[in-house]
Amino acid sequence: MEVIIRPTAESAARLQGKDYYRWLFANEPEWTKYRENKKL
């Protein structure tokens, strides 16, 4: 099972560790399919 969580802009701004998670999203290979497909 795969779960995708899409926080609102307001809740994302309050997310602790957001810089770390942004780095992971931008650099880790397992996130490539999400970076390339903006419609998910």
PDB file of N, CA and C in Angstrom:
ATOM      1  N   MET A   1       0.843  -1.168   0.000  1.00  0.00           N
ATOM      2  CA  MET A   1       0.000   0.000   0.000  1.00  0.00           C
ATOM      3  C   MET A   1       0.895   1.241   0.000  1.00  0.00           C
ATOM      4  N   GLU A   2       0.491   2.238  -0.750  1.00  0.00           N
ATOM      5  CA  GLU A   2       1.222   3.492  -0.828  1.00  0.00           C
ATOM      6  C   GLU A   2       0.307   4.614  -0.352  1.00  0.00           C
ATOM      7  N   VAL A   3       0.826   5.462   0.507  1.00  0.00           N
ATOM      8  CA  VAL A   3       0.042   6.570   1.045  1.00  0.00           C
ATOM      9  C   VAL A   3       0.706   7.873   0.645  1.00  0.00           C
ATOM     10  N   ILE A   4      -0.076   8.796   0.111  1.00  0.00           N
ATOM     11  CA  ILE A   4       0.426  10.115  -0.260  1.00  0.00           C
ATOM     12  C   ILE A   4      -0.293  11.137   0.611  1.00  0.00           C
ATOM     13  N   ILE A   5       0.493  11.950   1.284  1.00  0.00           N
ATOM     14  CA  ILE A   5      -0.071  12.984   2.139  1.00  0.00           C
ATOM     15  C   ILE A   5       0.221  14.330   1.506  1.00  0.00           C
ATOM     16  N   ARG A   6      -0.820  15.132   1.339  1.00  0.00           N
ATOM     17  CA  ARG A   6      -0.672  16.465   0.757  1.00  0.00           C
ATOM     18  C   ARG A   6      -1.143  17.507   1.766  1.00  0.00           C
ATOM     19  N   PRO A   7      -0.226  18.054   2.520  1.00  0.00           N
ATOM     20  CA  PRO A   7      -0.646  19.071   3.484  1.00  0.00           C
ATOM     21  C   PRO A   7      -1.019  20.375   2.781  1.00  0.00           C
ATOM     22  N   THR A   8      -1.848  21.153   3.424  1.00  0.00           N
ATOM     23  CA  THR A   8      -2.168  22.473   2.893  1.00  0.00           C
ATOM     24  C   THR A   8      -0.923  23.346   3.022  1.00  0.00           C
ATOM     25  N   ALA A   9      -0.880  24.442   2.309  1.00  0.00           N
ATOM     26  CA  ALA A   9       0.273  25.351   2.383  1.00  0.00           C
ATOM     27  C   ALA A   9       0.463  25.855   3.808  1.00  0.00           C
ATOM     28  N   GLU A  10      -0.635  26.123   4.500  1.00  0.00           N
ATOM     29  CA  GLU A  10      -0.553  26.615   5.879  1.00  0.00           C
ATOM     30  C   GLU A  10       0.059  25.579   6.810  1.00  0.00           C
ATOM     31  N   SER A  11      -0.409  24.336   6.721  1.00  0.00           N
ATOM     32  CA  SER A  11       0.136  23.301   7.602  1.00  0.00           C
ATOM     33  C   SER A  11       1.566  22.933   7.203  1.00  0.00           C
ATOM     34  N   ALA A  12       1.884  22.979   5.934  1.00  0.00           N
ATOM     35  CA  ALA A  12       3.247  22.682   5.486  1.00  0.00           C
ATOM     36  C   ALA A  12       4.236  23.717   6.011  1.00  0.00           C
ATOM     37  N   ALA A  13       3.803  24.953   6.118  1.00  0.00           N
ATOM     38  CA  ALA A  13       4.672  26.012   6.627  1.00  0.00           C
ATOM     39  C   ALA A  13       5.034  25.787   8.092  1.00  0.00           C
ATOM     40  N   ARG A  14       4.181  25.075   8.817  1.00  0.00           N
ATOM     41  CA  ARG A  14       4.436  24.809  10.244  1.00  0.00           C
ATOM     42  C   ARG A  14       5.135  23.477  10.477  1.00  0.00           C
ATOM     43  N   LEU A  15       5.364  22.700   9.448  1.00  0.00           N
ATOM     44  CA  LEU A  15       5.953  21.371   9.572  1.00  0.00           C
ATOM     45  C   LEU A  15       7.362  21.446  10.144  1.00  0.00           C
ATOM     46  N   GLN A  16       7.604  20.698  11.195  1.00  0.00           N
ATOM     47  CA  GLN A  16       8.940  20.659  11.775  1.00  0.00           C
ATOM     48  C   GLN A  16       9.842  19.831  10.877  1.00  0.00           C
ATOM     49  N   GLY A  17      11.071  20.271  10.687  1.00  0.00           N
ATOM     50  CA  GLY A  17      12.011  19.553   9.849  1.00  0.00           C
ATOM     51  C   GLY A  17      11.761  19.731   8.369  1.00  0.00           C
ATOM     52  N   LYS A  18      11.015  20.765   7.982  1.00  0.00           N
ATOM     53  CA  LYS A  18      10.629  20.925   6.579  1.00  0.00           C
ATOM     54  C   LYS A  18      11.831  21.068   5.650  1.00  0.00           C
ATOM     55  N   ASP A  19      12.910  21.686   6.105  1.00  0.00           N
ATOM     56  CA  ASP A  19      14.096  21.826   5.253  1.00  0.00           C
ATOM     57  C   ASP A  19      14.702  20.457   4.939  1.00  0.00           C
ATOM     58  N   TYR A  20      14.728  19.591   5.935  1.00  0.00           N
ATOM     59  CA  TYR A  20      15.242  18.227   5.749  1.00  0.00           C
ATOM     60  C   TYR A  20      14.370  17.467   4.745  1.00  0.00           C
ATOM     61  N   TYR A  21      13.067  17.560   4.914  1.00  0.00           N
ATOM     62  CA  TYR A  21      12.164  16.853   4.012  1.00  0.00           C
ATOM     63  C   TYR A  21      12.208  17.426   2.602  1.00  0.00           C
ATOM     64  N   ARG A  22      12.374  18.721   2.461  1.00  0.00           N
ATOM     65  CA  ARG A  22      12.527  19.320   1.136  1.00  0.00           C
ATOM     66  C   ARG A  22      13.797  18.825   0.468  1.00  0.00           C
ATOM     67  N   TRP A  23      14.873  18.702   1.248  1.00  0.00           N
ATOM     68  CA  TRP A  23      16.126  18.194   0.695  1.00  0.00           C
ATOM     69  C   TRP A  23      15.941  16.743   0.230  1.00  0.00           C
ATOM     70  N   LEU A  24      15.316  15.918   1.055  1.00  0.00           N
ATOM     71  CA  LEU A  24      15.068  14.527   0.673  1.00  0.00           C
ATOM     72  C   LEU A  24      14.269  14.455  -0.620  1.00  0.00           C
ATOM     73  N   PHE A  25      13.199  15.227  -0.698  1.00  0.00           N
ATOM     74  CA  PHE A  25      12.357  15.215  -1.887  1.00  0.00           C
ATOM     75  C   PHE A  25      13.152  15.623  -3.124  1.00  0.00           C
ATOM     76  N   ALA A  26      14.014  16.601  -2.986  1.00  0.00           N
ATOM     77  CA  ALA A  26      14.778  17.123  -4.120  1.00  0.00           C
ATOM     78  C   ALA A  26      15.937  16.225  -4.529  1.00  0.00           C
ATOM     79  N   ASN A  27      16.434  15.382  -3.609  1.00  0.00           N
ATOM     80  CA  ASN A  27      17.673  14.659  -3.880  1.00  0.00           C
ATOM     81  C   ASN A  27      17.605  13.137  -3.857  1.00  0.00           C
ATOM     82  N   GLU A  28      16.651  12.558  -3.194  1.00  0.00           N
ATOM     83  CA  GLU A  28      16.604  11.109  -3.071  1.00  0.00           C
ATOM     84  C   GLU A  28      15.940  10.472  -4.292  1.00  0.00           C
ATOM     85  N   PRO A  29      16.564   9.439  -4.846  1.00  0.00           N
ATOM     86  CA  PRO A  29      16.057   8.815  -6.074  1.00  0.00           C
ATOM     87  C   PRO A  29      14.639   8.246  -5.958  1.00  0.00           C
ATOM     88  N   GLU A  30      14.246   7.769  -4.781  1.00  0.00           N
ATOM     89  CA  GLU A  30      12.911   7.174  -4.665  1.00  0.00           C
ATOM     90  C   GLU A  30      11.787   8.203  -4.802  1.00  0.00           C
ATOM     91  N   TRP A  31      12.113   9.489  -4.754  1.00  0.00           N
ATOM     92  CA  TRP A  31      11.120  10.549  -4.924  1.00  0.00           C
ATOM     93  C   TRP A  31      11.073  11.073  -6.356  1.00  0.00           C
ATOM     94  N   THR A  32      11.863  10.528  -7.261  1.00  0.00           N
ATOM     95  CA  THR A  32      11.921  11.007  -8.643  1.00  0.00           C
ATOM     96  C   THR A  32      10.557  10.994  -9.311  1.00  0.00           C
ATOM     97  N   LYS A  33       9.801   9.919  -9.138  1.00  0.00           N
ATOM     98  CA  LYS A  33       8.504   9.832  -9.826  1.00  0.00           C
ATOM     99  C   LYS A  33       7.552  10.931  -9.367  1.00  0.00           C
ATOM    100  N   TYR A  34       7.690  11.389  -8.127  1.00  0.00           N
ATOM    101  CA  TYR A  34       6.831  12.463  -7.631  1.00  0.00           C
ATOM    102  C   TYR A  34       7.317  13.834  -8.094  1.00  0.00           C
ATOM    103  N   ARG A  35       8.631  13.998  -8.190  1.00  0.00           N
ATOM    104  CA  ARG A  35       9.186  15.261  -8.679  1.00  0.00           C
ATOM    105  C   ARG A  35       8.828  15.477 -10.147  1.00  0.00           C
ATOM    106  N   GLU A  36       8.798  14.412 -10.919  1.00  0.00           N
ATOM    107  CA  GLU A  36       8.561  14.516 -12.349  1.00  0.00           C
ATOM    108  C   GLU A  36       7.080  14.588 -12.718  1.00  0.00           C
ATOM    109  N   ASN A  37       6.216  14.127 -11.857  1.00  0.00           N
ATOM    110  CA  ASN A  37       4.778  14.116 -12.147  1.00  0.00           C
ATOM    111  C   ASN A  37       4.055  15.039 -11.192  1.00  0.00           C
ATOM    112  N   LYS A  38       3.808  16.249 -11.589  1.00  0.00           N
ATOM    113  CA  LYS A  38       3.160  17.250 -10.745  1.00  0.00           C
ATOM    114  C   LYS A  38       1.676  16.966 -10.546  1.00  0.00           C
ATOM    115  N   LYS A  39       1.098  16.010 -11.296  1.00  0.00           N
ATOM    116  CA  LYS A  39      -0.335  15.728 -11.208  1.00  0.00           C
ATOM    117  C   LYS A  39      -0.687  14.718 -10.121  1.00  0.00           C
ATOM    118  N   LEU A  40       0.271  14.155  -9.434  1.00  0.00           N
ATOM    119  CA  LEU A  40      -0.017  13.170  -8.394  1.00  0.00           C
ATOM    120  C   LEU A  40      -0.752  13.773  -7.237  1.00  0.00           C
TER     121      LEU A  40
END
